[in-house]
Every structure is written in structure tokens, then in C-alpha cells.
């Protein structure tokens, strides 16, 4: 396996892992903790850590203990929206009727590395049947969990939904990036978070029905990366903020 293939494989496996954790209700920060330990080491979680990372569901008595210790209740978090737990099921209405998710029909390949492999099936382990590059037009034939069945240049196959910029979703400059600082599973908390912040923030609803909160606007990749580093260093944004192409952002929810 060459370096590019290895990096792509690690990215996809990490994305699938985070997606599963979110689907199970676990805080994705647990993955970050686990990666701090070598493969020949082991780290046990305490009972309070299991509650904090949402590995277990706290009993009322546990909630009271956490309150006494001044530990804030965990805030619902989503991973990078491009590693979201599911794509919209177009057969059912959105969870919040104010934020409908249109059917994905067409788009373009958009990957941070500039290209991606078309697969024979909806899994990273499926056979590679061709390479597609950024900007290649995509016709979306069907939508499944985290994968699009697509046609690219007449060849049918599967692309992970992270890497398709859907024409029916949010429009922004093709090469730009967002800086996401928080995410919530409901609009009320999203709105409250933005109203309390001194930063100029915007909320977008995503294909997993979560709300992604970003710095307002999008930025060239290099500028976004530099801003992310500086703002984390000076404490302006959370340590788990990240840069994203925003392929799973559907539309603006509020609230500059």
C-alpha cells in the first residue's frame, strides 16, 4: 500500500469509527483519548469518565453526584459533519420540519486530497473500480447509509458521502473550508450557543439532522488552517474545533 492509499484508508476507518460512536450516543472525544495510548498499553475508564463520555447511561444518583462535583452535563456533540451517522432518508420527513433535506441528485467530487476511488460496493473494503478527481460531475443514483450510489463519467459505483459536494445542498466556493466549533442535535441549543458567543457564528443543518456551528463564512484552505491553529492557541474556539469542506452541510439554519 502506498502512502496516499494508507492515508485514505486511515481517514475512512476513523470516519466509520466516529460515525458508529455517534450512532451509539458515545462522545467522539473518547476516540481522541484512546489514540493517546500505544497499542501495547491499556487504559481503564473510571465510572465518572464512562458517564462523561456517555459510554454508560447515568442513573439519577449519578447525575446528583456529578452536580455536586460541579461537572456540567455532557453537551450532545456530533463528529466532523462529514463523518455523520446517516444520510437523509428521503422516505420520511426531517426531524424538524423547518429544515427539510432535499433529495441529493447531482454533485461534484470534492476531497481534501484532490481525488478518491470509486468502489464496487458501499464499503471501504469494496473493490476499487476507478479513480475520480475533484470537480468530476456526479449523478447520484441512490442514497444509503453514509454512501452514494453514483455514476461518474458513465461508470457506476459508490462514493462515501463525505466526498461529494451535492448541488442541491449549500452553495459556497468549491475550494473553501469552514471552521466548525460545535454541533447539537436540536435547534434550541444551537441558537442558545450562538447567542451566548462573542464570535460571529452561523449554524447549518446537516444530512444527519444535526446542526453544525461554524465561524461565519468560508475561507481558503490555507487561511482556514492558520486561523484554526491561532484561535485554538489563544482559546477563542474549543480544542476540538476543526476545519471541514462542509460537504454534508445542507443549508443555513441561522443566526449571525
Protein backbone atom coordinates (compact mmCIF):
# COMPACT_ATOMS: atom_id res chain seq x y z
CA UNK A 1 0.00 0.00 0.00
CA UNK A 2 1.42 3.39 -0.95
CA UNK A 3 1.32 6.43 1.33
CA UNK A 4 -1.73 8.02 -0.33
CA UNK A 5 -3.72 4.80 -0.07
CA UNK A 6 -2.70 4.33 3.56
CA UNK A 7 -3.75 7.87 4.49
CA UNK A 8 -7.08 7.44 2.70
CA UNK A 9 -7.70 4.12 4.48
CA UNK A 10 -6.94 5.62 7.90
CA UNK A 11 -9.27 8.57 7.19
CA UNK A 12 -12.14 6.29 6.19
CA UNK A 13 -11.71 3.87 9.09
CA UNK A 14 -11.57 6.80 11.51
CA UNK A 15 -14.69 8.29 9.92
CA UNK A 16 -16.57 5.00 10.22
CA UNK A 17 -15.47 4.61 13.86
CA UNK A 18 -16.64 8.09 14.81
CA UNK A 19 -19.90 7.61 12.93
CA UNK A 20 -20.60 4.44 14.88
CA UNK A 21 -19.74 6.11 18.19
CA UNK A 22 -22.17 8.95 17.49
CA UNK A 23 -24.86 6.49 16.40
CA UNK A 24 -24.45 4.71 19.75
CA UNK A 25 -24.58 8.01 21.64
CA UNK A 26 -20.92 7.98 22.74
CA UNK A 27 -18.90 11.22 22.84
CA UNK A 28 -16.39 11.06 19.94
CA UNK A 29 -13.80 12.62 22.28
CA UNK A 30 -13.35 9.08 23.60
CA UNK A 31 -11.56 8.20 20.35
CA UNK A 32 -9.11 11.05 20.89
CA UNK A 33 -8.39 9.70 24.37
CA UNK A 34 -7.83 6.18 23.07
CA UNK A 35 -5.34 7.35 20.45
CA UNK A 36 -3.05 8.74 23.17
CA UNK A 37 -2.10 5.20 24.22
CA UNK A 38 0.24 2.77 22.46
CA UNK A 39 -1.05 -0.50 21.03
CA UNK A 40 0.66 -2.46 23.82
CA UNK A 41 -0.82 -0.29 26.58
CA UNK A 42 -4.25 -0.22 28.21
CA UNK A 43 -6.35 2.48 29.86
CA UNK A 44 -9.41 1.77 32.02
CA UNK A 45 -12.18 4.36 32.31
CA UNK A 46 -13.46 5.31 35.73
CA UNK A 47 -17.20 5.27 36.39
CA UNK A 48 -17.39 9.07 36.16
CA UNK A 49 -15.44 9.01 32.88
CA UNK A 50 -17.85 6.44 31.45
CA UNK A 51 -20.70 8.80 32.29
CA UNK A 52 -18.86 11.86 30.93
CA UNK A 53 -18.05 10.10 27.64
CA UNK A 54 -21.62 8.70 27.51
CA UNK A 55 -20.38 5.09 27.43
CA UNK A 56 -22.98 4.35 30.10
CA UNK A 57 -26.32 5.95 30.86
CA UNK A 58 -26.17 7.59 34.29
CA UNK A 59 -28.75 6.75 36.91
CA UNK A 60 -30.41 9.66 38.77
CA UNK A 61 -27.98 9.14 41.67
CA UNK A 62 -25.05 9.53 39.28
CA UNK A 63 -26.49 12.80 37.96
CA UNK A 64 -26.70 14.11 41.51
CA UNK A 65 -23.07 13.19 42.20
CA UNK A 66 -21.93 14.93 39.04
CA UNK A 67 -23.88 18.04 40.01
CA UNK A 68 -22.23 18.06 43.42
CA UNK A 69 -18.82 17.84 41.77
CA UNK A 70 -19.78 20.78 39.51
CA UNK A 71 -19.34 18.63 36.43
CA UNK A 72 -21.57 20.04 33.66
CA UNK A 73 -23.84 17.56 31.92
CA UNK A 74 -22.33 16.42 28.61
CA UNK A 75 -23.34 18.51 25.62
CA UNK A 76 -24.60 16.49 22.64
CA UNK A 77 -21.81 16.53 20.11
CA UNK A 78 -21.50 15.31 16.58
CA UNK A 79 -18.25 14.45 14.89
CA UNK A 80 -16.91 16.18 11.80
CA UNK A 81 -20.22 16.56 9.80
CA UNK A 82 -18.56 14.74 7.04
CA UNK A 83 -18.42 11.69 9.24
CA UNK A 84 -22.10 11.91 10.15
CA UNK A 85 -24.01 8.84 11.27
CA UNK A 86 -26.51 8.72 8.41
CA UNK A 87 -27.70 10.30 5.23
CA UNK A 88 -31.23 11.62 4.91
CA UNK A 89 -33.92 9.02 4.47
CA UNK A 90 -35.99 10.67 1.79
CA UNK A 91 -38.99 8.47 2.61
CA UNK A 92 -39.57 10.21 5.98
CA UNK A 93 -39.83 13.89 6.94
CA UNK A 94 -36.91 15.69 8.56
CA UNK A 95 -36.86 15.65 12.36
CA UNK A 96 -37.54 19.40 12.31
CA UNK A 97 -39.91 20.42 9.53
CA UNK A 98 -38.31 23.86 9.40
CA UNK A 99 -35.17 22.29 7.95
CA UNK A 100 -36.10 19.96 5.10
CA UNK A 101 -33.32 17.99 3.42
CA UNK A 102 -33.70 17.89 -0.37
CA UNK A 103 -33.09 14.71 -2.31
CA UNK A 104 -29.46 14.52 -3.45
CA UNK A 105 -29.47 14.19 -7.25
CA UNK A 106 -26.22 15.62 -8.66
CA UNK A 107 -22.93 16.99 -7.48
CA UNK A 108 -19.16 17.03 -7.85
CA UNK A 109 -16.32 15.11 -6.29
CA UNK A 110 -14.70 17.19 -3.53
CA UNK A 111 -11.98 15.56 -1.42
CA UNK A 112 -9.26 17.30 0.63
CA UNK A 113 -6.62 15.20 -1.14
CA UNK A 114 -7.95 16.03 -4.61
CA UNK A 115 -9.16 12.57 -5.64
CA UNK A 116 -10.90 9.45 -4.39
CA UNK A 117 -11.62 5.89 -5.51
CA UNK A 118 -14.94 4.74 -6.88
CA UNK A 119 -15.90 1.48 -5.16
CA UNK A 120 -17.82 -1.59 -6.32
CA UNK A 121 -19.91 -1.59 -3.14
CA UNK A 122 -20.94 0.67 -0.24
CA UNK A 123 -17.92 -0.15 1.95
CA UNK A 124 -14.32 0.94 2.16
CA UNK A 125 -13.26 -2.68 1.72
CA UNK A 126 -15.05 -2.95 -1.66
CA UNK A 127 -13.01 -3.26 -4.82
CA UNK A 128 -11.68 -0.07 -6.37
CA UNK A 129 -13.15 0.30 -9.85
CA UNK A 130 -11.73 3.67 -10.83
CA UNK A 131 -10.29 6.92 -9.56
CA UNK A 132 -12.26 10.16 -9.64
CA UNK A 133 -10.85 13.62 -9.10
CA UNK A 134 -12.11 16.88 -7.64
CA UNK A 135 -14.65 18.58 -9.86
CA UNK A 136 -15.75 15.42 -11.69
CA UNK A 137 -19.55 15.61 -12.20
CA UNK A 138 -21.51 13.05 -10.18
CA UNK A 139 -25.02 11.74 -10.84
CA UNK A 140 -26.48 10.32 -7.62
CA UNK A 141 -28.50 7.19 -8.37
CA UNK A 142 -29.37 6.21 -4.80
CA UNK A 143 -28.69 7.15 -1.18
CA UNK A 144 -27.73 4.67 1.53
CA UNK A 145 -26.17 4.90 4.97
CA UNK A 146 -23.05 7.06 4.50
CA UNK A 147 -22.67 6.12 0.81
CA UNK A 148 -23.94 7.41 -2.52
CA UNK A 149 -24.54 5.06 -5.44
CA UNK A 150 -23.30 7.24 -8.28
CA UNK A 151 -22.46 7.47 -11.93
CA UNK A 152 -19.25 9.30 -12.80
CA UNK A 153 -18.30 9.66 -16.46
CA UNK A 154 -20.65 6.80 -17.32
CA UNK A 155 -19.20 4.41 -14.72
CA UNK A 156 -21.45 3.35 -11.83
CA UNK A 157 -20.08 2.75 -8.36
CA UNK A 158 -20.10 4.02 -4.79
CA UNK A 159 -18.62 7.11 -3.14
CA UNK A 160 -18.62 7.88 0.56
CA UNK A 161 -20.96 10.81 1.13
CA UNK A 162 -18.14 12.78 2.75
CA UNK A 163 -16.58 13.33 -0.64
CA UNK A 164 -19.50 14.53 -2.78
CA UNK A 165 -20.49 18.19 -2.94
CA UNK A 166 -24.21 17.91 -3.63
CA UNK A 167 -25.66 20.58 -5.93
CA UNK A 168 -28.97 20.55 -4.04
CA UNK A 169 -27.24 21.44 -0.76
CA UNK A 170 -25.35 24.51 0.43
CA UNK A 171 -23.55 26.61 -2.20
CA UNK A 172 -20.14 28.09 -1.42
CA UNK A 173 -16.78 28.48 -3.24
CA UNK A 174 -15.63 25.00 -4.25
CA UNK A 175 -12.16 25.08 -2.67
CA UNK A 176 -13.11 26.87 0.56
CA UNK A 177 -13.32 25.44 4.07
CA UNK A 178 -15.44 26.02 7.17
CA UNK A 179 -14.21 26.10 10.76
CA UNK A 180 -16.71 24.15 12.85
CA UNK A 181 -16.69 24.92 16.57
CA UNK A 182 -19.70 23.00 17.92
CA UNK A 183 -22.67 20.82 16.96
CA UNK A 184 -26.03 19.98 18.51
CA UNK A 185 -28.88 17.60 17.86
CA UNK A 186 -31.56 20.28 18.26
CA UNK A 187 -32.13 23.85 17.12
CA UNK A 188 -32.85 25.36 20.54
CA UNK A 189 -29.40 24.54 21.93
CA UNK A 190 -27.81 25.64 18.67
CA UNK A 191 -29.47 29.03 18.84
CA UNK A 192 -28.61 29.47 22.54
CA UNK A 193 -24.94 28.65 21.92
CA UNK A 194 -24.66 31.25 19.17
CA UNK A 195 -26.45 33.92 21.17
CA UNK A 196 -24.03 33.48 24.09
CA UNK A 197 -20.88 33.63 21.95
CA UNK A 198 -18.94 36.81 21.22
CA UNK A 199 -17.80 35.32 17.90
CA UNK A 200 -19.68 35.75 14.62
CA UNK A 201 -21.14 32.31 14.14
CA UNK A 202 -23.52 30.63 11.71
CA UNK A 203 -25.46 27.38 12.09
CA UNK A 204 -26.02 24.91 9.25
CA UNK A 205 -28.28 21.88 9.30
CA UNK A 206 -26.59 18.71 8.09
CA UNK A 207 -27.60 15.45 6.46
CA UNK A 208 -27.66 13.66 9.84
CA UNK A 209 -30.28 16.19 11.10
CA UNK A 210 -27.73 17.75 13.46
CA UNK A 211 -26.78 21.43 13.48
CA UNK A 212 -23.18 22.43 12.82
CA UNK A 213 -22.00 25.75 14.27
CA UNK A 214 -19.16 27.41 12.35
CA UNK A 215 -17.33 30.69 12.18
CA UNK A 216 -19.37 32.81 9.79
CA UNK A 217 -18.35 32.45 6.18
CA UNK A 218 -15.91 30.09 4.49
CA UNK A 219 -12.21 30.56 3.85
CA UNK A 220 -9.41 29.39 1.53
CA UNK A 221 -7.93 26.15 2.88
CA UNK A 222 -4.56 27.60 3.92
CA UNK A 223 -6.15 30.61 5.63
CA UNK A 224 -8.66 28.40 7.44
CA UNK A 225 -5.89 26.13 8.69
CA UNK A 226 -3.84 29.04 10.01
CA UNK A 227 -6.88 30.65 11.67
CA UNK A 228 -7.82 27.34 13.30
CA UNK A 229 -4.35 26.97 14.81
CA UNK A 230 -4.17 30.55 16.10
CA UNK A 231 -7.69 30.60 17.55
CA UNK A 232 -7.19 27.30 19.35
CA UNK A 233 -3.91 28.57 20.80
CA UNK A 234 -5.49 31.74 22.19
CA UNK A 235 -8.60 29.96 23.47
CA UNK A 236 -11.06 31.70 21.11
CA UNK A 237 -12.51 28.39 19.96
CA UNK A 238 -12.73 24.91 21.55
CA UNK A 239 -9.81 22.49 21.27
CA UNK A 240 -12.00 20.07 19.31
CA UNK A 241 -12.89 22.64 16.62
CA UNK A 242 -11.87 21.53 13.14
CA UNK A 243 -11.69 22.52 9.50
CA UNK A 244 -14.12 20.92 7.05
CA UNK A 245 -15.15 21.19 3.42
CA UNK A 246 -18.77 21.07 4.61
CA UNK A 247 -19.99 18.54 2.06
CA UNK A 248 -22.77 17.38 4.40
CA UNK A 249 -23.99 20.89 5.25
CA UNK A 250 -27.43 21.18 3.66
CA UNK A 251 -28.35 24.81 4.30
CA UNK A 252 -28.15 27.74 6.70
CA UNK A 253 -30.28 27.40 9.84
CA UNK A 254 -29.46 30.74 11.49
CA UNK A 255 -28.25 33.10 13.27
CA UNK A 256 -25.41 35.57 12.53
